[in-house]
Every structure is written in C-alpha cells, then in structure tokens.
Amino acid sequence: MSETYPNTTDVIVIGGGTGGYSTALRAASLGLRVVLAERELIGGTCLHRGCIPSKAMLHAAELVDGIAEARERWGVKATVDSLDWPALVATRDTIVARNHQGVAGHLRTAGVRVLKGTARLTGPRTVHVEDAGEFTARRGIVLATGSRPKMLPGLAADGRRVVTSDDALFAAGLPASVLVLGGGAIGVEYASFHRSMGAEVTLVEAAGRLLPMEDEDVGRHLARGLKKRGIAVRTGSALTGTELLPDGVRATVRTPKGEELVIEAERLLVAVGRAPVTDGLDLAAAGLAADGRGFVAPADWSRLETAVPGIHVVGDLLPPPSPGLAHASFAEGLLVAETLAGLPSRAVDYAAVPRVTYSSPQTASVGRTEAEARADGLDIKVNTMPLAATAKGMVHGQGGMVKVIAAADGAGGEASGTVLGVHLVGPQVSEMIAESQLIVGWDAEPADVAQHIHAHPTLSEAVGEAFLTLAGRGLHQH
C-alpha cells in the first residue's frame, strides 16, 4: 500500500531514530498517511551506535566482572581465559540487526512509506527527499534529525587513536589503556566498560564532579565506586594539549591545583556531549532558524510545535528541558503524532523523565536534585539510605545509596509534601527507577509510598525504608 502513496501525504517525518519512528508509527496507527525520510539506517544513533550496542557491550562487561567477583569474593575458582572480541562483536551486531529488522518491519506493517535519502525543507509544508522528489504534508512536518558527538577544537577523530562515543565500540580490538574525556553518562559508561575489559582507564571531567547534571551525592558515590574498581577519576581537570603517537596519544591535563599531568594512552575517547544535526535541512526555507546552540526550539512546548504552524520537533533537536534521551524522544513522538491527528495529548512531563547511567555501579534518577530544590527556595526534607544497610545490598557488595527529596509540609517535621526527586546509585538500579518515576510523576507523598510493602530481601527495600523514614515510620534510621 505504501508504494501507491502520491507525493501529497498527511505527515512527513525527517529522521528515523527513536523520535522519528515513534512519531511515524503512532501517526500511522491513527489513520494518517506518513512518509519517513532517513539518510542512514532506521533506528538512528540509539539503535546503531549508542544505546543498544553500548548496553550489549556493557552486559558483556558485567559478565566479566561477575567472574572476577566470583573468584575474589565468593571462593568460586573461575577465571577469564581470554576474550574472543570478534565473537563479542558478532553477538552485539546480531542484537542490533534484530532490533533494526523489528523496527523496519513495524513501519512496513503500519504502512509508513520509508524513503532512504537526505531530506531538506523547501517550504512550511514541503520537503525534498534525495532521489525521491518533492513531498507535501497536509497535516505537518516533524523534524527528528538527531545529534552527533561534539569534538574539541583542534582534535580530530581517526577511529583508532582518537575516537568519539559513536565509534568507540567499533574501533578494532580493545586498547590496553584509554583516556576518557568527559564525565557525563556516556563517558562514565565507556570508562566502566573498558575497565571491565582490563584496560587502564583515566576519566577526566572539567566540572567538579562526575555526572554534573545529577545530584551531588550521586556523583560522589559514583566516583567512589569507579575508583574502587581502579579507574583514575580526575574531576575539575581540563585537557590542555594532545600529541598523536604512532600507537596512541600523549595528553596534558591541568588539575584543580594547577598541576600539569602527562597521560599516555592507546586511545583517547572524547565524550564531551552531543550537538544537534541540522546541516542540509535548510531550516530557512521553511521560515525557521536554529538557536546559538543548534537547537530548534518549539514555540509551544505542549505541542512541540515551532513558530511555523505545522512544523514540530522531537528528540535531540529540542533544547532543554528535553533531556536528549531516547525514551524522552519516544514520548515526544507520541505527543506530536496525536497532536497532528487532532487528539488531545498531555505535554511531556520532563521532570518525571528518568535518567540512567549504565556503568558499574549504575546510577538512576528522576526529578529534582537537592541543589535544585534549595535553589528554588523550597523547604525540603532529605533522606539517604545506604544500600549496604539492606541484606541484599550486602550480598551485592557494591555500596550505593537511595536519596529521596520531598517537600517538608508536615507538622512535627515529617515530610508530608510531594516527592520532588529520587536518586539511586548501586547495582542494577536502572531496573529500580520505574517505581520512583511513578512516585514523582504522580506527585505522591512519602506516606503514600510508605504504606506499600517492598519484597524482602531486595535492593528496593532501601527505597521503601527511605520513604518510611520521611513519613516518620522508619525503623532503621534516626
């Protein structure tokens, strides 16, 4: 059916990543005719170079770490004889390929017409797609062109000695040493992966702590866990020079004390953030312009619609408060599709979007940090529960914490206002954050959560205990 579509359609989506294909699928399910243009592969960065392949590799890293823990902590005399890198890569690529086939199949089944080629705007309702011609959208156009890794001035990636987060896992083999530049989620994950695989790792972050956008205690506990694993963590430090060597890189790093450190590594992995992709999109032809950072801001956040009626934006093209996360772009795609179909739809609640770092230890957060709540002048109550205070936390032996921030509106000092933020550090906390997302998203109060029983023994008991304490009913904290 899709091949019979005329060049006039209901919706044109430019970009086939998470935000683009979720928009297309939802719009098609609502009876709209959809054309989706993608110049590379359906699934975008998340599926092919980011979320999926990196988490596959991080799972392999967990297996390696588990063998080391079995030997060193539990008396299981197991060792890793060798690492079959081609086999590991093949498994990763199979997972990516199956996901790619699944998304492409869903689009075909839904009747979405997928065009491979570069698309550019030619007007507020028209798009030209390479090798396919001009298309007109009756309902609207959705911009979902994603982002690319930022690179520092004067530093170029060669795919071997200097790599970006997009190509780090696709470089040949594993380095014996790696210098990771950038202590955000991506940099931390790659530092964790390479350490698990036996590399000597130095992690450099210009800000005063890791994950600088997260709660201060999250960064502190994370740094403690990474250092315990042998990763050299240098926060408040800046790269001041690089020299390419035949088999690696020599970098100069300035510490907070003004010292100049020379670090040699086989690989420099640059993970200093991502920038929106708008090149070739020809925004001006539709009456649009990117801001100074390259984002295309909506005029109406409740519809993610730009100042040009009918042109909507999802994913990494959006400025904050959109967090540039795949699951946020999925929600944005649903919102835009329903808006284009004329249905009422709630705006994305960015405060309730969970944030996860899949390192070892992991971090997971939702809602406000303590510093944000205090900066807003809110009267708050904060409770922190160590994971090691629970039996299951002792079993895992990684440390970590649960931190809950709630409005302090109750008599007697207990927190009876809404929960503002929940922050977790520890093993597998990525699988624990969903409960807290509902708590923050539904404006629950500590007493609402405290009445629910958490299974014993589980790590989630620490979440329950933190809320019990804030509700004035805790047994293990005073």
Protein backbone atom coordinates (compact mmCIF):
# COMPACT_ATOMS: atom_id res chain seq x y z
CA MET A 1 0.00 0.00 0.00
CA SER A 2 2.80 2.43 0.85
CA GLU A 3 4.24 2.33 -2.68
CA THR A 4 1.00 3.77 -4.09
CA TYR A 5 1.10 6.91 -1.97
CA PRO A 6 1.09 10.10 -4.01
CA ASN A 7 3.60 12.82 -3.19
CA THR A 8 0.96 14.52 -1.09
CA THR A 9 0.65 12.86 2.29
CA ASP A 10 -0.53 13.71 5.80
CA VAL A 11 2.72 13.71 7.74
CA ILE A 12 6.37 13.89 6.71
CA VAL A 13 8.94 12.81 9.30
CA ILE A 14 12.59 13.72 8.69
CA GLY A 15 14.79 11.32 10.63
CA GLY A 16 14.26 7.68 11.53
CA GLY A 17 15.68 7.50 15.04
CA THR A 18 13.64 6.83 18.15
CA GLY A 19 11.73 10.11 17.98
CA GLY A 20 11.14 9.86 14.25
CA TYR A 21 9.96 6.27 14.03
CA SER A 22 7.77 6.55 17.16
CA THR A 23 6.07 9.58 15.58
CA ALA A 24 5.57 7.71 12.33
CA LEU A 25 4.20 4.54 13.94
CA ARG A 26 1.77 6.39 16.20
CA ALA A 27 0.57 8.66 13.38
CA ALA A 28 0.01 5.67 11.11
CA SER A 29 -1.91 3.85 13.84
CA LEU A 30 -4.23 6.86 13.99
CA GLY A 31 -5.03 6.55 10.30
CA LEU A 32 -2.65 9.19 8.93
CA ARG A 33 -0.56 8.65 5.84
CA VAL A 34 3.11 9.02 6.74
CA VAL A 35 6.33 9.43 4.79
CA LEU A 36 9.54 8.96 6.77
CA ALA A 37 12.86 10.05 5.27
CA GLU A 38 16.13 8.72 6.72
CA ARG A 39 19.53 9.17 5.10
CA GLU A 40 21.23 6.37 7.01
CA LEU A 41 19.58 3.48 8.88
CA ILE A 42 16.19 3.32 10.56
CA GLY A 43 16.77 3.35 14.31
CA GLY A 44 19.28 6.18 14.31
CA THR A 45 22.16 6.66 16.72
CA CYS A 46 20.45 4.94 19.63
CA LEU A 47 19.98 1.65 17.82
CA HIS A 48 23.14 1.55 15.71
CA ARG A 49 25.84 3.49 17.56
CA GLY A 50 24.52 4.33 21.02
CA CYS A 51 22.03 2.85 23.47
CA ILE A 52 21.66 -0.68 22.11
CA PRO A 53 25.21 -1.66 21.08
CA SER A 54 26.73 0.02 24.13
CA LYS A 55 24.37 -1.74 26.54
CA ALA A 56 25.08 -5.04 24.83
CA MET A 57 28.78 -4.48 25.44
CA LEU A 58 28.16 -3.35 29.00
CA HIS A 59 26.28 -6.58 29.63
CA ALA A 60 29.36 -8.48 28.45
CA ALA A 61 31.38 -6.33 30.85
CA GLU A 62 29.04 -7.33 33.69
CA LEU A 63 29.71 -10.98 32.92
CA VAL A 64 33.46 -10.40 33.10
CA ASP A 65 33.08 -8.50 36.37
CA GLY A 66 30.91 -11.29 37.73
CA ILE A 67 33.66 -13.83 37.14
CA ALA A 68 36.13 -11.63 38.97
CA GLU A 69 33.69 -11.19 41.88
CA ALA A 70 33.04 -14.94 41.98
CA ARG A 71 36.76 -15.60 42.34
CA GLU A 72 37.73 -12.79 44.69
CA ARG A 73 34.68 -12.60 46.96
CA TRP A 74 32.82 -15.89 46.81
CA GLY A 75 35.53 -18.50 46.51
CA VAL A 76 34.45 -19.67 43.07
CA LYS A 77 37.71 -20.54 41.31
CA ALA A 78 36.80 -19.13 37.94
CA THR A 79 38.96 -17.17 35.53
CA VAL A 80 38.61 -15.46 32.17
CA ASP A 81 41.00 -17.36 29.91
CA SER A 82 40.66 -14.95 27.01
CA LEU A 83 38.28 -12.59 25.30
CA ASP A 84 37.05 -13.52 21.83
CA TRP A 85 36.50 -9.98 20.55
CA PRO A 86 35.07 -10.99 17.16
CA ALA A 87 32.53 -13.26 18.88
CA LEU A 88 31.52 -10.49 21.27
CA VAL A 89 31.13 -8.07 18.37
CA ALA A 90 29.09 -10.62 16.42
CA THR A 91 26.64 -11.03 19.31
CA ARG A 92 26.32 -7.27 19.65
CA ASP A 93 25.72 -6.85 15.93
CA THR A 94 23.13 -9.62 15.90
CA ILE A 95 21.18 -7.85 18.66
CA VAL A 96 21.35 -4.57 16.74
CA ALA A 97 20.33 -6.22 13.47
CA ARG A 98 17.33 -7.96 15.06
CA ASN A 99 16.16 -4.67 16.56
CA HIS A 100 16.66 -2.90 13.24
CA GLN A 101 14.66 -5.56 11.41
CA GLY A 102 11.94 -5.30 14.03
CA VAL A 103 11.55 -1.54 13.71
CA ALA A 104 11.67 -1.67 9.91
CA GLY A 105 9.05 -4.44 9.96
CA HIS A 106 6.75 -2.44 12.23
CA LEU A 107 6.97 0.52 9.86
CA ARG A 108 6.14 -1.66 6.85
CA THR A 109 3.22 -3.28 8.63
CA ALA A 110 1.91 0.14 9.68
CA GLY A 111 2.02 1.36 6.07
CA VAL A 112 4.65 4.04 6.66
CA ARG A 113 6.45 4.91 3.43
CA VAL A 114 10.16 4.89 4.24
CA LEU A 115 12.48 6.77 1.89
CA LYS A 116 16.25 6.43 2.11
CA GLY A 117 17.90 9.73 1.33
CA THR A 118 18.73 13.18 2.63
CA ALA A 119 15.68 15.38 3.15
CA ARG A 120 15.54 19.15 3.18
CA LEU A 121 12.78 21.64 3.77
CA THR A 122 11.59 23.60 0.77
CA GLY A 123 8.70 25.37 2.48
CA PRO A 124 6.46 25.23 5.56
CA ARG A 125 4.64 22.19 4.17
CA THR A 126 7.07 20.79 1.59
CA VAL A 127 10.13 18.56 1.73
CA HIS A 128 12.52 17.41 -0.97
CA VAL A 129 13.92 13.90 -0.49
CA GLU A 130 17.02 12.88 -2.38
CA ASP A 131 16.22 10.57 -5.34
CA ALA A 132 12.51 10.61 -4.45
CA GLY A 133 11.36 14.13 -5.24
CA GLU A 134 9.19 16.75 -3.58
CA PHE A 135 6.57 15.86 -0.98
CA THR A 136 3.76 17.93 0.52
CA ALA A 137 2.37 17.38 4.03
CA ARG A 138 -1.29 18.17 4.64
CA ARG A 139 -1.07 17.92 8.45
CA GLY A 140 2.52 18.71 9.25
CA ILE A 141 6.26 18.04 9.17
CA VAL A 142 8.23 16.53 12.04
CA LEU A 143 11.93 17.29 12.45
CA ALA A 144 13.76 14.38 14.11
CA THR A 145 17.29 14.59 12.73
CA GLY A 146 19.09 13.74 15.96
CA SER A 147 22.58 14.67 17.09
CA ARG A 148 26.26 13.88 16.62
CA PRO A 149 29.19 13.78 19.07
CA LYS A 150 30.92 17.06 19.81
CA MET A 151 34.63 17.24 19.14
CA LEU A 152 37.09 19.63 20.73
CA PRO A 153 38.68 22.29 18.51
CA GLY A 154 41.95 21.14 17.00
CA LEU A 155 41.25 17.49 17.75
CA ALA A 156 40.11 15.12 15.01
CA ALA A 157 38.88 11.56 15.41
CA ASP A 158 40.78 8.96 13.39
CA GLY A 159 38.82 5.92 14.57
CA ARG A 160 41.88 4.35 16.17
CA ARG A 161 43.85 6.61 18.49
CA VAL A 162 41.18 9.30 18.90
CA VAL A 163 37.57 8.14 18.87
CA THR A 164 34.15 9.58 19.62
CA SER A 165 31.37 7.86 21.51
CA ASP A 166 29.78 6.99 18.15
CA ASP A 167 32.73 4.90 17.00
CA ALA A 168 34.38 3.83 20.29
CA LEU A 169 32.87 0.34 20.22
CA PHE A 170 33.61 -0.10 16.52
CA ALA A 171 37.34 0.51 16.69
CA ALA A 172 39.43 -2.58 16.04
CA GLY A 173 40.05 -4.56 19.21
CA LEU A 174 40.37 -3.33 22.78
CA PRO A 175 43.04 -0.90 23.97
CA ALA A 176 45.29 -1.69 26.91
CA SER A 177 44.80 1.86 28.13
CA VAL A 178 42.24 4.58 27.48
CA LEU A 179 41.83 8.21 28.46
CA VAL A 180 38.14 9.13 28.56
CA LEU A 181 37.43 12.82 28.23
CA GLY A 182 34.05 13.72 29.69
CA GLY A 183 32.40 12.56 32.91
CA GLY A 184 28.79 12.61 31.77
CA ALA A 185 26.76 9.45 31.34
CA ILE A 186 28.41 8.43 28.06
CA GLY A 187 31.96 8.96 29.27
CA VAL A 188 31.30 7.14 32.53
CA GLU A 189 29.77 4.16 30.72
CA TYR A 190 32.72 3.82 28.36
CA ALA A 191 35.20 4.21 31.20
CA SER A 192 33.39 1.46 33.09
CA PHE A 193 33.29 -0.85 30.05
CA HIS A 194 36.98 -0.53 29.24
CA ARG A 195 37.97 -1.09 32.86
CA SER A 196 35.90 -4.27 32.98
CA MET A 197 37.71 -5.46 29.89
CA GLY A 198 41.08 -4.98 31.57
CA ALA A 199 42.20 -1.57 30.33
CA GLU A 200 43.91 1.03 32.46
CA VAL A 201 41.42 3.89 32.49
CA THR A 202 41.70 7.58 33.30
CA LEU A 203 38.45 9.55 33.36
CA VAL A 204 38.77 13.34 33.07
CA GLU A 205 35.88 15.73 33.73
CA ALA A 206 36.16 19.53 33.67
CA ALA A 207 33.37 20.04 36.21
CA GLY A 208 33.95 19.47 39.91
CA ARG A 209 32.20 16.09 39.93
CA LEU A 210 31.06 13.27 37.70
CA LEU A 211 27.57 13.50 36.18
CA PRO A 212 27.49 17.24 36.90
CA MET A 213 23.78 17.49 35.99
CA GLU A 214 22.86 14.92 38.64
CA ASP A 215 22.57 15.25 42.40
CA GLU A 216 25.91 15.92 44.10
CA ASP A 217 25.66 12.74 46.18
CA VAL A 218 25.16 10.69 43.02
CA GLY A 219 28.43 11.95 41.59
CA ARG A 220 30.23 11.37 44.87
CA HIS A 221 29.03 7.78 45.29
CA LEU A 222 29.67 7.02 41.62
CA ALA A 223 33.24 8.34 41.79
CA ARG A 224 33.85 6.24 44.90
CA GLY A 225 32.63 3.11 43.12
CA LEU A 226 34.69 3.76 39.99
CA LYS A 227 37.85 4.47 41.98
CA LYS A 228 37.32 1.24 43.93
CA ARG A 229 37.46 -0.54 40.58
CA GLY A 230 40.80 1.05 39.73
CA ILE A 231 39.64 3.87 37.46
CA ALA A 232 41.64 7.07 37.88
CA VAL A 233 38.96 9.75 38.23
CA ARG A 234 40.13 13.33 37.75
CA THR A 235 37.39 15.91 38.17
CA GLY A 236 37.87 19.66 37.92
CA SER A 237 40.53 18.91 35.31
CA ALA A 238 40.92 20.11 31.75
CA LEU A 239 42.67 18.78 28.67
CA THR A 240 45.26 21.35 27.62
CA GLY A 241 47.14 19.54 24.88
CA THR A 242 47.37 16.36 22.84
CA GLU A 243 50.07 14.72 20.79
CA LEU A 244 49.43 11.79 18.47
CA LEU A 245 51.89 8.95 18.86
CA PRO A 246 52.35 6.03 16.45
CA ASP A 247 50.38 3.76 18.78
CA GLY A 248 48.40 6.13 20.95
CA VAL A 249 48.05 9.61 22.39
CA ARG A 250 50.01 11.73 24.83
CA ALA A 251 47.70 14.20 26.61
CA THR A 252 48.35 17.03 29.02
CA VAL A 253 45.76 17.58 31.73
CA ARG A 254 45.62 20.50 34.15
CA THR A 255 44.41 19.53 37.65
CA PRO A 256 42.40 21.78 40.03
CA LYS A 257 45.69 22.64 41.76
CA GLY A 258 47.19 23.89 38.51
CA GLU A 259 49.49 20.93 38.03
CA GLU A 260 50.16 19.66 34.51
CA LEU A 261 49.87 15.89 34.20
CA VAL A 262 51.07 13.98 31.17
CA ILE A 263 48.96 10.90 30.44
CA GLU A 264 49.75 8.41 27.71
CA ALA A 265 47.10 6.01 26.46
CA GLU A 266 46.48 3.83 23.44
CA ARG A 267 43.16 5.56 22.90
CA LEU A 268 41.61 8.95 23.65
CA LEU A 269 37.83 8.67 23.82
CA VAL A 270 36.11 12.04 23.52
CA ALA A 271 32.69 12.14 25.19
CA VAL A 272 32.11 15.84 25.82
CA GLY A 273 28.50 15.98 24.71
CA ARG A 274 26.40 15.91 21.57
CA ALA A 275 25.28 18.62 19.14
CA PRO A 276 22.01 18.79 17.16
CA VAL A 277 22.19 17.87 13.47
CA THR A 278 20.62 20.47 11.18
CA ASP A 279 23.12 20.58 8.32
CA GLY A 280 21.43 20.20 4.96
CA LEU A 281 17.98 20.61 6.50
CA ASP A 282 17.58 24.15 5.11
CA LEU A 283 15.53 25.48 8.01
CA ALA A 284 15.38 28.94 6.45
CA ALA A 285 13.34 27.65 3.52
CA ALA A 286 10.50 26.95 5.94
CA GLY A 287 10.96 30.16 7.91
CA LEU A 288 12.87 28.53 10.77
CA ALA A 289 16.27 29.07 12.36
CA ALA A 290 18.34 27.18 14.92
CA ASP A 291 19.38 28.95 18.09
CA GLY A 292 23.01 29.65 19.00
CA ARG A 293 23.50 26.07 20.21
CA GLY A 294 21.95 24.50 17.13
CA PHE A 295 18.61 23.58 18.70
CA VAL A 296 15.25 24.21 17.07
CA ALA A 297 13.06 25.47 19.89
CA PRO A 298 9.31 24.98 19.91
CA ALA A 299 7.05 27.98 20.32
CA ASP A 300 4.52 25.73 22.05
CA TRP A 301 6.01 23.06 24.32
CA SER A 302 2.62 21.49 24.91
CA ARG A 303 2.54 20.51 21.22
CA LEU A 304 6.28 20.68 20.43
CA GLU A 305 5.30 22.97 17.57
CA THR A 306 7.67 25.60 16.22
CA ALA A 307 6.83 29.19 15.36
CA VAL A 308 5.90 27.88 11.90
CA PRO A 309 2.50 26.22 12.34
CA GLY A 310 2.53 22.55 11.43
CA ILE A 311 6.28 22.03 11.88
CA HIS A 312 7.06 20.05 15.03
CA VAL A 313 10.32 18.98 16.64
CA VAL A 314 11.23 15.84 18.61
CA GLY A 315 14.39 14.34 20.08
CA ASP A 316 17.87 15.81 20.14
CA LEU A 317 16.91 18.91 18.14
CA LEU A 318 14.96 20.15 21.17
CA PRO A 319 16.72 22.35 23.73
CA PRO A 320 16.40 21.75 27.47
CA PRO A 321 14.25 20.85 29.33
CA SER A 322 14.12 18.00 26.82
CA PRO A 323 16.98 15.80 28.11
CA GLY A 324 18.15 14.34 24.80
CA LEU A 325 17.33 10.79 25.87
CA ALA A 326 15.86 8.10 23.64
CA HIS A 327 12.92 7.35 25.93
CA ALA A 328 12.06 11.05 26.12
CA SER A 329 12.06 11.29 22.32
CA PHE A 330 9.73 8.28 22.20
CA ALA A 331 7.23 10.15 24.39
CA GLU A 332 7.70 13.29 22.30
CA GLY A 333 6.92 11.31 19.15
CA LEU A 334 3.65 10.05 20.61
CA LEU A 335 2.68 13.57 21.65
CA VAL A 336 3.37 15.05 18.22
CA ALA A 337 1.61 12.25 16.34
CA GLU A 338 -1.51 12.60 18.46
CA THR A 339 -1.40 16.38 18.06
CA LEU A 340 -1.21 16.04 14.28
CA ALA A 341 -4.16 13.62 14.38
CA GLY A 342 -6.21 16.22 16.24
CA LEU A 343 -6.29 14.31 19.52
CA PRO A 344 -5.80 15.82 22.95
CA SER A 345 -2.48 14.73 24.44
CA ARG A 346 -0.64 15.68 27.60
CA ALA A 347 2.62 17.57 27.29
CA VAL A 348 5.72 15.59 28.17
CA ASP A 349 6.49 15.90 31.89
CA TYR A 350 10.25 16.36 31.66
CA ALA A 351 10.60 16.43 35.45
CA ALA A 352 9.44 12.81 35.50
CA VAL A 353 11.78 11.52 32.78
CA PRO A 354 14.20 9.01 34.35
CA ARG A 355 17.95 9.36 33.78
CA VAL A 356 20.19 6.29 33.88
CA THR A 357 23.93 5.68 33.64
CA TYR A 358 24.69 2.02 32.90
CA SER A 359 28.13 1.88 34.47
CA SER A 360 29.27 -0.28 37.37
CA PRO A 361 27.94 0.95 39.74
CA GLN A 362 24.86 2.23 37.93
CA THR A 363 23.03 5.46 38.64
CA ALA A 364 19.34 6.24 38.12
CA SER A 365 17.47 9.42 38.96
CA VAL A 366 14.17 11.17 38.43
CA GLY A 367 13.01 14.62 39.48
CA ARG A 368 14.89 17.44 41.14
CA THR A 369 18.27 17.32 42.77
CA GLU A 370 18.71 18.64 46.30
CA ALA A 371 20.57 21.69 44.99
CA GLU A 372 17.78 22.50 42.51
CA ALA A 373 15.11 22.26 45.19
CA ARG A 374 17.06 24.53 47.54
CA ALA A 375 17.83 26.99 44.75
CA ASP A 376 14.08 27.27 44.17
CA GLY A 377 13.68 28.27 47.82
CA LEU A 378 11.73 25.15 48.75
CA ASP A 379 11.51 23.86 52.30
CA ILE A 380 12.57 20.24 51.89
CA LYS A 381 13.33 17.07 53.78
CA VAL A 382 16.08 14.78 52.52
CA ASN A 383 16.73 11.19 53.46
CA THR A 384 19.57 8.98 52.31
CA MET A 385 19.57 5.22 52.78
CA PRO A 386 22.76 3.22 52.10
CA LEU A 387 22.16 0.10 50.05
CA ALA A 388 24.65 -1.69 52.29
CA ALA A 389 22.18 -1.26 55.14
CA THR A 390 19.98 -3.89 53.48
CA ALA A 391 20.74 -7.59 53.37
CA LYS A 392 20.58 -7.70 49.57
CA GLY A 393 22.89 -4.69 49.39
CA MET A 394 25.42 -6.61 51.50
CA VAL A 395 25.12 -9.57 49.13
CA HIS A 396 25.95 -7.41 46.12
CA GLY A 397 28.72 -5.63 47.98
CA GLN A 398 28.93 -2.59 45.70
CA GLY A 399 27.74 0.06 48.14
CA GLY A 400 25.49 2.77 46.79
CA MET A 401 22.51 4.66 48.13
CA VAL A 402 18.92 5.78 47.81
CA LYS A 403 18.32 9.51 48.22
CA VAL A 404 14.82 10.97 48.41
CA ILE A 405 13.94 14.68 48.38
CA ALA A 406 10.44 15.71 49.47
CA ALA A 407 8.68 18.93 50.33
CA ALA A 408 8.55 19.43 54.10
CA ASP A 409 4.95 20.49 54.62
CA GLY A 410 4.08 18.33 57.60
CA ALA A 411 3.64 19.11 61.27
CA GLY A 412 6.22 17.58 63.55
CA GLY A 413 8.96 17.73 60.94
CA GLU A 414 7.97 14.75 58.82
CA ALA A 415 7.80 15.27 55.09
CA SER A 416 4.18 15.19 54.03
CA GLY A 417 4.60 17.26 50.89
CA THR A 418 5.12 15.81 47.44
CA VAL A 419 8.20 13.82 46.48
CA LEU A 420 10.45 16.05 44.38
CA GLY A 421 13.27 13.70 43.43
CA VAL A 422 14.69 10.22 43.86
CA HIS A 423 18.33 9.36 43.20
CA LEU A 424 19.88 5.89 43.18
CA VAL A 425 23.43 4.56 42.93
CA GLY A 426 24.30 0.89 43.01
CA PRO A 427 23.94 -2.45 41.25
CA GLN A 428 21.03 -2.77 38.81
CA VAL A 429 19.36 0.47 39.93
CA SER A 430 18.37 1.04 36.29
CA GLU A 431 15.70 -1.61 36.93
CA MET A 432 14.57 0.10 40.16
CA ILE A 433 13.84 3.61 38.87
CA ALA A 434 10.40 2.90 37.36
CA GLU A 435 8.75 2.94 40.79
CA SER A 436 10.27 6.31 41.56
CA GLN A 437 9.22 7.67 38.16
CA LEU A 438 5.61 6.96 39.07
CA ILE A 439 6.07 8.44 42.54
CA VAL A 440 7.45 11.73 41.18
CA GLY A 441 5.17 11.82 38.14
CA TRP A 442 2.02 11.32 40.21
CA ASP A 443 3.05 13.86 42.89
CA ALA A 444 2.95 11.18 45.58
CA GLU A 445 3.79 11.94 49.19
CA PRO A 446 6.12 9.83 51.36
CA ALA A 447 3.17 8.46 53.34
CA ASP A 448 1.59 7.26 50.08
CA VAL A 449 4.68 5.19 49.31
CA ALA A 450 5.37 4.08 52.87
CA GLN A 451 2.17 2.08 53.06
CA HIS A 452 3.34 -0.21 50.24
CA ILE A 453 5.44 -3.24 51.15
CA HIS A 454 8.69 -3.93 49.36
CA ALA A 455 9.76 -7.56 48.95
CA HIS A 456 12.47 -8.90 51.25
CA PRO A 457 15.31 -9.34 50.58
CA THR A 458 15.63 -6.92 47.67
CA LEU A 459 17.58 -3.78 46.90
CA SER A 460 14.25 -1.98 46.56
CA GLU A 461 13.79 -2.30 50.32
CA ALA A 462 16.16 0.64 50.62
CA VAL A 463 13.69 2.72 48.59
CA GLY A 464 10.86 1.66 50.88
CA GLU A 465 12.88 2.39 54.02
CA ALA A 466 13.81 5.86 52.79
CA PHE A 467 10.12 6.71 52.34
CA LEU A 468 9.17 5.14 55.68
CA THR A 469 11.68 7.41 57.40
CA LEU A 470 10.41 10.52 55.63
CA ALA A 471 6.89 9.54 56.67
CA GLY A 472 8.01 9.25 60.29
CA ARG A 473 7.75 5.46 60.39
CA GLY A 474 11.32 4.32 59.73
CA LEU A 475 12.87 1.61 61.91
CA HIS A 476 16.46 1.58 60.73
CA GLN A 477 17.26 5.28 60.55
CA HIS A 478 17.00 8.02 63.12
